[in-house]
PDB file of all heavy atoms in Angstrom:
ATOM      1  N   VAL A   1      18.138  -8.850 -13.751  1.00  0.00           N
ATOM      2  CA  VAL A   1      17.736 -10.062 -14.445  1.00  0.00           C
ATOM      3  C   VAL A   1      18.101 -11.332 -13.692  1.00  0.00           C
ATOM      4  O   VAL A   1      17.723 -12.428 -14.077  1.00  0.00           O
ATOM      5  CB  VAL A   1      18.408 -10.108 -15.860  1.00  0.00           C
ATOM      6  CG1 VAL A   1      17.927  -8.974 -16.698  1.00  0.00           C
ATOM      7  CG2 VAL A   1      19.920 -10.203 -15.801  1.00  0.00           C
ATOM      8  N   SER A   2      18.838 -11.181 -12.579  1.00  0.00           N
ATOM      9  CA  SER A   2      19.284 -12.376 -11.848  1.00  0.00           C
ATOM     10  C   SER A   2      18.165 -13.120 -11.143  1.00  0.00           C
ATOM     11  O   SER A   2      18.329 -14.263 -10.740  1.00  0.00           O
ATOM     12  CB  SER A   2      20.425 -12.037 -10.889  1.00  0.00           C
ATOM     13  OG  SER A   2      19.940 -11.206  -9.865  1.00  0.00           O
ATOM     14  N   GLY A   3      17.099 -12.435 -10.808  1.00  0.00           N
ATOM     15  CA  GLY A   3      15.948 -13.107 -10.187  1.00  0.00           C
ATOM     16  C   GLY A   3      16.209 -13.475  -8.739  1.00  0.00           C
ATOM     17  O   GLY A   3      16.204 -14.597  -8.384  1.00  0.00           O
ATOM     18  N   GLY A   4      16.512 -12.515  -7.943  1.00  0.00           N
ATOM     19  CA  GLY A   4      16.795 -12.706  -6.529  1.00  0.00           C
ATOM     20  C   GLY A   4      15.562 -13.115  -5.760  1.00  0.00           C
ATOM     21  O   GLY A   4      14.558 -13.584  -6.341  1.00  0.00           O
ATOM     22  N   PRO A   5      15.551 -12.898  -4.402  1.00  0.00           N
ATOM     23  CA  PRO A   5      14.390 -13.308  -3.600  1.00  0.00           C
ATOM     24  C   PRO A   5      13.140 -12.577  -4.051  1.00  0.00           C
ATOM     25  O   PRO A   5      13.187 -11.430  -4.472  1.00  0.00           O
ATOM     26  CB  PRO A   5      14.811 -12.913  -2.211  1.00  0.00           C
ATOM     27  CG  PRO A   5      15.951 -11.912  -2.350  1.00  0.00           C
ATOM     28  CD  PRO A   5      16.569 -12.260  -3.682  1.00  0.00           C
ATOM     29  N   GLN A   6      12.054 -13.252  -3.896  1.00  0.00           N
ATOM     30  CA  GLN A   6      10.754 -12.693  -4.311  1.00  0.00           C
ATOM     31  C   GLN A   6      10.084 -11.889  -3.214  1.00  0.00           C
ATOM     32  O   GLN A   6       8.958 -12.130  -2.834  1.00  0.00           O
ATOM     33  CB  GLN A   6       9.792 -13.848  -4.721  1.00  0.00           C
ATOM     34  CG  GLN A   6      10.339 -14.624  -5.951  1.00  0.00           C
ATOM     35  CD  GLN A   6      10.490 -13.797  -7.180  1.00  0.00           C
ATOM     36  OE1 GLN A   6       9.587 -12.978  -7.432  1.00  0.00           O
ATOM     37  NE2 GLN A   6      11.564 -13.905  -7.888  1.00  0.00           N
ATOM     38  N   THR A   7      10.833 -10.887  -2.721  1.00  0.00           N
ATOM     39  CA  THR A   7      10.231  -9.998  -1.695  1.00  0.00           C
ATOM     40  C   THR A   7      10.125  -8.643  -2.322  1.00  0.00           C
ATOM     41  O   THR A   7      10.847  -8.265  -3.242  1.00  0.00           O
ATOM     42  CB  THR A   7      11.151  -9.929  -0.454  1.00  0.00           C
ATOM     43  OG1 THR A   7      12.443  -9.547  -0.815  1.00  0.00           O
ATOM     44  CG2 THR A   7      11.204 -11.273   0.271  1.00  0.00           C
ATOM     45  N   THR A   8       9.213  -7.873  -1.734  1.00  0.00           N
ATOM     46  CA  THR A   8       9.007  -6.557  -2.278  1.00  0.00           C
ATOM     47  C   THR A   8       9.802  -5.546  -1.475  1.00  0.00           C
ATOM     48  O   THR A   8      10.235  -5.800  -0.354  1.00  0.00           O
ATOM     49  CB  THR A   8       7.525  -6.174  -2.263  1.00  0.00           C
ATOM     50  OG1 THR A   8       7.023  -6.309  -0.887  1.00  0.00           O
ATOM     51  CG2 THR A   8       6.700  -7.050  -3.158  1.00  0.00           C
ATOM     52  N   LEU A   9       9.986  -4.335  -1.995  1.00  0.00           N
ATOM     53  CA  LEU A   9      10.696  -3.283  -1.296  1.00  0.00           C
ATOM     54  C   LEU A   9       9.893  -2.851  -0.076  1.00  0.00           C
ATOM     55  O   LEU A   9       8.734  -2.597  -0.092  1.00  0.00           O
ATOM     56  CB  LEU A   9      10.825  -2.080  -2.275  1.00  0.00           C
ATOM     57  CG  LEU A   9      11.865  -1.068  -1.860  1.00  0.00           C
ATOM     58  CD1 LEU A   9      13.254  -1.666  -1.765  1.00  0.00           C
ATOM     59  CD2 LEU A   9      11.913   0.048  -2.895  1.00  0.00           C
ATOM     60  N   SER A  10      10.635  -2.806   1.060  1.00  0.00           N
ATOM     61  CA  SER A  10      10.005  -2.461   2.317  1.00  0.00           C
ATOM     62  C   SER A  10      10.670  -1.231   2.928  1.00  0.00           C
ATOM     63  O   SER A  10      11.735  -0.782   2.491  1.00  0.00           O
ATOM     64  CB  SER A  10      10.048  -3.626   3.302  1.00  0.00           C
ATOM     65  OG  SER A  10      11.369  -3.822   3.736  1.00  0.00           O
ATOM     66  N   LEU A  11      10.100  -0.727   3.981  1.00  0.00           N
ATOM     67  CA  LEU A  11      10.667   0.403   4.692  1.00  0.00           C
ATOM     68  C   LEU A  11      12.039  -0.019   5.325  1.00  0.00           C
ATOM     69  O   LEU A  11      12.967   0.769   5.391  1.00  0.00           O
ATOM     70  CB  LEU A  11       9.691   0.844   5.814  1.00  0.00           C
ATOM     71  CG  LEU A  11       9.997   2.179   6.450  1.00  0.00           C
ATOM     72  CD1 LEU A  11      10.055   3.270   5.419  1.00  0.00           C
ATOM     73  CD2 LEU A  11       8.939   2.529   7.482  1.00  0.00           C
ATOM     74  N   ARG A  12      12.141  -1.238   5.746  1.00  0.00           N
ATOM     75  CA  ARG A  12      13.388  -1.764   6.327  1.00  0.00           C
ATOM     76  C   ARG A  12      14.527  -1.740   5.249  1.00  0.00           C
ATOM     77  O   ARG A  12      15.649  -1.367   5.543  1.00  0.00           O
ATOM     78  CB  ARG A  12      13.217  -3.123   6.872  1.00  0.00           C
ATOM     79  CG  ARG A  12      14.437  -3.705   7.496  1.00  0.00           C
ATOM     80  CD  ARG A  12      14.140  -5.054   8.179  1.00  0.00           C
ATOM     81  NE  ARG A  12      15.346  -5.613   8.733  1.00  0.00           N
ATOM     82  CZ  ARG A  12      15.684  -6.856   8.683  1.00  0.00           C
ATOM     83  NH1 ARG A  12      14.848  -7.760   8.153  1.00  0.00           N
ATOM     84  NH2 ARG A  12      16.806  -7.278   9.193  1.00  0.00           N
ATOM     85  N   ASN A  13      14.153  -2.146   4.017  1.00  0.00           N
ATOM     86  CA  ASN A  13      15.132  -2.134   2.924  1.00  0.00           C
ATOM     87  C   ASN A  13      15.538  -0.709   2.628  1.00  0.00           C
ATOM     88  O   ASN A  13      16.786  -0.434   2.469  1.00  0.00           O
ATOM     89  CB  ASN A  13      14.529  -2.712   1.668  1.00  0.00           C
ATOM     90  CG  ASN A  13      14.110  -4.162   1.800  1.00  0.00           C
ATOM     91  OD1 ASN A  13      13.016  -4.500   1.448  1.00  0.00           O
ATOM     92  ND2 ASN A  13      14.961  -5.007   2.355  1.00  0.00           N
ATOM     93  N   ALA A  14      14.611   0.185   2.584  1.00  0.00           N
ATOM     94  CA  ALA A  14      14.913   1.608   2.314  1.00  0.00           C
ATOM     95  C   ALA A  14      15.831   2.161   3.412  1.00  0.00           C
ATOM     96  O   ALA A  14      16.761   2.946   3.114  1.00  0.00           O
ATOM     97  CB  ALA A  14      13.640   2.423   2.172  1.00  0.00           C
ATOM     98  N   GLY A  15      15.554   1.823   4.662  1.00  0.00           N
ATOM     99  CA  GLY A  15      16.389   2.278   5.786  1.00  0.00           C
ATOM    100  C   GLY A  15      17.820   1.738   5.659  1.00  0.00           C
ATOM    101  O   GLY A  15      18.770   2.475   5.958  1.00  0.00           O
ATOM    102  N   PHE A  16      17.980   0.498   5.254  1.00  0.00           N
ATOM    103  CA  PHE A  16      19.300  -0.086   5.046  1.00  0.00           C
ATOM    104  C   PHE A  16      20.020   0.649   3.984  1.00  0.00           C
ATOM    105  O   PHE A  16      21.215   1.034   4.148  1.00  0.00           O
ATOM    106  CB  PHE A  16      19.131  -1.596   4.735  1.00  0.00           C
ATOM    107  CG  PHE A  16      20.495  -2.232   4.425  1.00  0.00           C
ATOM    108  CD1 PHE A  16      21.343  -2.640   5.464  1.00  0.00           C
ATOM    109  CD2 PHE A  16      20.882  -2.396   3.127  1.00  0.00           C
ATOM    110  CE1 PHE A  16      22.511  -3.232   5.176  1.00  0.00           C
ATOM    111  CE2 PHE A  16      22.124  -3.003   2.841  1.00  0.00           C
ATOM    112  CZ  PHE A  16      22.919  -3.453   3.871  1.00  0.00           C
ATOM    113  N   ILE A  17      19.375   0.943   2.863  1.00  0.00           N
ATOM    114  CA  ILE A  17      20.011   1.641   1.773  1.00  0.00           C
ATOM    115  C   ILE A  17      20.389   3.038   2.209  1.00  0.00           C
ATOM    116  O   ILE A  17      21.530   3.538   1.843  1.00  0.00           O
ATOM    117  CB  ILE A  17      19.089   1.658   0.502  1.00  0.00           C
ATOM    118  CG1 ILE A  17      18.974   0.262  -0.062  1.00  0.00           C
ATOM    119  CG2 ILE A  17      19.587   2.674  -0.523  1.00  0.00           C
ATOM    120  CD1 ILE A  17      17.922   0.084  -1.151  1.00  0.00           C
ATOM    121  N   MET A  18      19.547   3.687   2.939  1.00  0.00           N
ATOM    122  CA  MET A  18      19.864   5.026   3.469  1.00  0.00           C
ATOM    123  C   MET A  18      21.086   4.998   4.417  1.00  0.00           C
ATOM    124  O   MET A  18      21.911   5.868   4.362  1.00  0.00           O
ATOM    125  CB  MET A  18      18.675   5.657   4.172  1.00  0.00           C
ATOM    126  CG  MET A  18      17.527   6.007   3.209  1.00  0.00           C
ATOM    127  SD  MET A  18      17.993   7.017   1.840  1.00  0.00           S
ATOM    128  CE  MET A  18      18.399   8.548   2.677  1.00  0.00           C
ATOM    129  N   GLY A  19      21.200   3.982   5.245  1.00  0.00           N
ATOM    130  CA  GLY A  19      22.366   3.806   6.148  1.00  0.00           C
ATOM    131  C   GLY A  19      23.622   3.606   5.344  1.00  0.00           C
ATOM    132  O   GLY A  19      24.666   4.229   5.641  1.00  0.00           O
ATOM    133  N   VAL A  20      23.586   2.776   4.313  1.00  0.00           N
ATOM    134  CA  VAL A  20      24.768   2.553   3.472  1.00  0.00           C
ATOM    135  C   VAL A  20      25.106   3.835   2.759  1.00  0.00           C
ATOM    136  O   VAL A  20      26.287   4.199   2.655  1.00  0.00           O
ATOM    137  CB  VAL A  20      24.544   1.415   2.486  1.00  0.00           C
ATOM    138  CG1 VAL A  20      25.586   1.372   1.427  1.00  0.00           C
ATOM    139  CG2 VAL A  20      24.411   0.053   3.257  1.00  0.00           C
ATOM    140  N   LEU A  21      24.123   4.596   2.276  1.00  0.00           N
ATOM    141  CA  LEU A  21      24.423   5.858   1.566  1.00  0.00           C
ATOM    142  C   LEU A  21      25.071   6.854   2.557  1.00  0.00           C
ATOM    143  O   LEU A  21      25.991   7.591   2.166  1.00  0.00           O
ATOM    144  CB  LEU A  21      23.131   6.437   0.970  1.00  0.00           C
ATOM    145  CG  LEU A  21      22.623   5.769  -0.276  1.00  0.00           C
ATOM    146  CD1 LEU A  21      21.299   6.358  -0.736  1.00  0.00           C
ATOM    147  CD2 LEU A  21      23.670   5.898  -1.401  1.00  0.00           C
ATOM    148  N   MET A  22      24.601   6.874   3.810  1.00  0.00           N
ATOM    149  CA  MET A  22      25.268   7.767   4.790  1.00  0.00           C
ATOM    150  C   MET A  22      26.676   7.329   5.023  1.00  0.00           C
ATOM    151  O   MET A  22      27.567   8.236   5.122  1.00  0.00           O
ATOM    152  CB  MET A  22      24.470   7.727   6.132  1.00  0.00           C
ATOM    153  CG  MET A  22      23.144   8.388   6.046  1.00  0.00           C
ATOM    154  SD  MET A  22      23.225  10.141   5.545  1.00  0.00           S
ATOM    155  CE  MET A  22      24.162  10.810   6.866  1.00  0.00           C
ATOM    156  N   LEU A  23      27.025   6.098   5.097  1.00  0.00           N
ATOM    157  CA  LEU A  23      28.398   5.601   5.257  1.00  0.00           C
ATOM    158  C   LEU A  23      29.251   6.100   4.038  1.00  0.00           C
ATOM    159  O   LEU A  23      30.344   6.533   4.214  1.00  0.00           O
ATOM    160  CB  LEU A  23      28.444   4.104   5.370  1.00  0.00           C
ATOM    161  CG  LEU A  23      28.032   3.505   6.654  1.00  0.00           C
ATOM    162  CD1 LEU A  23      28.016   1.943   6.596  1.00  0.00           C
ATOM    163  CD2 LEU A  23      28.893   3.934   7.814  1.00  0.00           C
ATOM    164  N   LEU A  24      28.634   5.982   2.895  1.00  0.00           N
ATOM    165  CA  LEU A  24      29.358   6.426   1.671  1.00  0.00           C
ATOM    166  C   LEU A  24      29.613   7.910   1.693  1.00  0.00           C
ATOM    167  O   LEU A  24      30.706   8.392   1.362  1.00  0.00           O
ATOM    168  CB  LEU A  24      28.568   6.035   0.410  1.00  0.00           C
ATOM    169  CG  LEU A  24      28.470   4.511   0.161  1.00  0.00           C
ATOM    170  CD1 LEU A  24      27.582   4.258  -1.065  1.00  0.00           C
ATOM    171  CD2 LEU A  24      29.843   3.875  -0.007  1.00  0.00           C
ATOM    172  N   PHE A  25      28.625   8.692   2.097  1.00  0.00           N
ATOM    173  CA  PHE A  25      28.782  10.160   2.186  1.00  0.00           C
ATOM    174  C   PHE A  25      29.854  10.562   3.209  1.00  0.00           C
ATOM    175  O   PHE A  25      30.658  11.422   2.947  1.00  0.00           O
ATOM    176  CB  PHE A  25      27.459  10.841   2.505  1.00  0.00           C
ATOM    177  CG  PHE A  25      26.560  10.950   1.288  1.00  0.00           C
ATOM    178  CD1 PHE A  25      25.260  10.485   1.379  1.00  0.00           C
ATOM    179  CD2 PHE A  25      26.999  11.484   0.084  1.00  0.00           C
ATOM    180  CE1 PHE A  25      24.408  10.564   0.309  1.00  0.00           C
ATOM    181  CE2 PHE A  25      26.186  11.550  -1.020  1.00  0.00           C
ATOM    182  CZ  PHE A  25      24.855  11.097  -0.913  1.00  0.00           C
ATOM    183  N   VAL A  26      29.892   9.886   4.333  1.00  0.00           N
ATOM    184  CA  VAL A  26      30.927  10.151   5.359  1.00  0.00           C
ATOM    185  C   VAL A  26      32.272   9.808   4.801  1.00  0.00           C
ATOM    186  O   VAL A  26      33.260  10.567   4.951  1.00  0.00           O
ATOM    187  CB  VAL A  26      30.597   9.405   6.698  1.00  0.00           C
ATOM    188  CG1 VAL A  26      31.809   9.452   7.627  1.00  0.00           C
ATOM    189  CG2 VAL A  26      29.369   9.960   7.357  1.00  0.00           C
ATOM    190  N   SER A  27      32.413   8.631   4.125  1.00  0.00           N
ATOM    191  CA  SER A  27      33.686   8.272   3.569  1.00  0.00           C
ATOM    192  C   SER A  27      34.088   9.242   2.464  1.00  0.00           C
ATOM    193  O   SER A  27      35.288   9.569   2.417  1.00  0.00           O
ATOM    194  CB  SER A  27      33.559   6.862   2.941  1.00  0.00           C
ATOM    195  OG  SER A  27      33.215   5.891   3.939  1.00  0.00           O
ATOM    196  N   LEU A  28      33.177   9.667   1.645  1.00  0.00           N
ATOM    197  CA  LEU A  28      33.570  10.643   0.633  1.00  0.00           C
ATOM    198  C   LEU A  28      33.970  11.992   1.248  1.00  0.00           C
ATOM    199  O   LEU A  28      34.792  12.686   0.731  1.00  0.00           O
ATOM    200  CB  LEU A  28      32.396  10.827  -0.365  1.00  0.00           C
ATOM    201  CG  LEU A  28      32.194   9.602  -1.262  1.00  0.00           C
ATOM    202  CD1 LEU A  28      30.879   9.848  -2.130  1.00  0.00           C
ATOM    203  CD2 LEU A  28      33.342   9.355  -2.172  1.00  0.00           C
ATOM    204  N   GLY A  29      33.315  12.314   2.379  1.00  0.00           N
ATOM    205  CA  GLY A  29      33.707  13.573   3.097  1.00  0.00           C
ATOM    206  C   GLY A  29      35.152  13.434   3.617  1.00  0.00           C
ATOM    207  O   GLY A  29      35.939  14.370   3.572  1.00  0.00           O
ATOM    208  N   LEU A  30      35.501  12.253   4.166  1.00  0.00           N
ATOM    209  CA  LEU A  30      36.850  12.035   4.626  1.00  0.00           C
ATOM    210  C   LEU A  30      37.814  12.137   3.420  1.00  0.00           C
ATOM    211  O   LEU A  30      38.906  12.639   3.577  1.00  0.00           O
ATOM    212  CB  LEU A  30      36.968  10.649   5.276  1.00  0.00           C
ATOM    213  CG  LEU A  30      36.527  10.501   6.685  1.00  0.00           C
ATOM    214  CD1 LEU A  30      36.560   9.016   7.159  1.00  0.00           C
ATOM    215  CD2 LEU A  30      37.428  11.327   7.611  1.00  0.00           C
ATOM    216  N   MET A  31      37.383  11.606   2.317  1.00  0.00           N
ATOM    217  CA  MET A  31      38.279  11.629   1.097  1.00  0.00           C
ATOM    218  C   MET A  31      38.440  13.066   0.631  1.00  0.00           C
ATOM    219  O   MET A  31      39.523  13.504   0.298  1.00  0.00           O
ATOM    220  CB  MET A  31      37.618  10.782  -0.012  1.00  0.00           C
ATOM    221  CG  MET A  31      38.517  10.597  -1.217  1.00  0.00           C
ATOM    222  SD  MET A  31      37.748   9.562  -2.467  1.00  0.00           S
ATOM    223  CE  MET A  31      38.019   7.931  -1.717  1.00  0.00           C
ATOM    224  N   ARG A  32      37.439  13.865   0.698  1.00  0.00           N
ATOM    225  CA  ARG A  32      37.468  15.219   0.186  1.00  0.00           C
ATOM    226  C   ARG A  32      38.258  16.150   1.120  1.00  0.00           C
ATOM    227  O   ARG A  32      39.035  16.947   0.717  1.00  0.00           O
ATOM    228  CB  ARG A  32      36.076  15.760  -0.042  1.00  0.00           C
ATOM    229  CG  ARG A  32      35.936  17.244  -0.257  1.00  0.00           C
ATOM    230  CD  ARG A  32      36.678  17.694  -1.496  1.00  0.00           C
ATOM    231  NE  ARG A  32      36.524  19.145  -1.740  1.00  0.00           N
ATOM    232  CZ  ARG A  32      37.279  20.053  -1.234  1.00  0.00           C
ATOM    233  NH1 ARG A  32      38.265  19.769  -0.386  1.00  0.00           N
ATOM    234  NH2 ARG A  32      37.120  21.338  -1.555  1.00  0.00           N
ATOM    235  N   TRP A  33      37.929  16.066   2.438  1.00  0.00           N
ATOM    236  CA  TRP A  33      38.530  17.009   3.399  1.00  0.00           C
ATOM    237  C   TRP A  33      39.628  16.459   4.267  1.00  0.00           C
ATOM    238  O   TRP A  33      40.249  17.170   5.020  1.00  0.00           O
ATOM    239  CB  TRP A  33      37.413  17.595   4.280  1.00  0.00           C
ATOM    240  CG  TRP A  33      36.516  18.517   3.482  1.00  0.00           C
ATOM    241  CD1 TRP A  33      36.884  19.731   2.960  1.00  0.00           C
ATOM    242  CD2 TRP A  33      35.197  18.280   3.133  1.00  0.00           C
ATOM    243  NE1 TRP A  33      35.800  20.253   2.244  1.00  0.00           N
ATOM    244  CE2 TRP A  33      34.762  19.389   2.326  1.00  0.00           C
ATOM    245  CE3 TRP A  33      34.260  17.246   3.334  1.00  0.00           C
ATOM    246  CZ2 TRP A  33      33.482  19.466   1.825  1.00  0.00           C
ATOM    247  CZ3 TRP A  33      33.016  17.352   2.791  1.00  0.00           C
ATOM    248  CH2 TRP A  33      32.598  18.507   2.070  1.00  0.00           C
ATOM    249  N   GLY A  34      39.928  15.154   4.196  1.00  0.00           N
ATOM    250  CA  GLY A  34      40.940  14.536   5.009  1.00  0.00           C
ATOM    251  C   GLY A  34      42.317  15.159   4.732  1.00  0.00           C
ATOM    252  O   GLY A  34      43.051  15.443   5.719  1.00  0.00           O
ATOM    253  N   GLY A  35      42.692  15.278   3.492  1.00  0.00           N
ATOM    254  CA  GLY A  35      43.981  15.818   3.144  1.00  0.00           C
ATOM    255  C   GLY A  35      44.157  17.267   3.628  1.00  0.00           C
ATOM    256  O   GLY A  35      45.125  17.586   4.328  1.00  0.00           O
TER     257      GLY A  35
END
């Protein structure tokens, strides 16, 4: 509802989100198996 920029979803946006998700998965892997 905040009404951010008027751009549509692009392949670049999806790639950025996938990159952030990969960072999160690696971090969660460290959390799970680090100990």
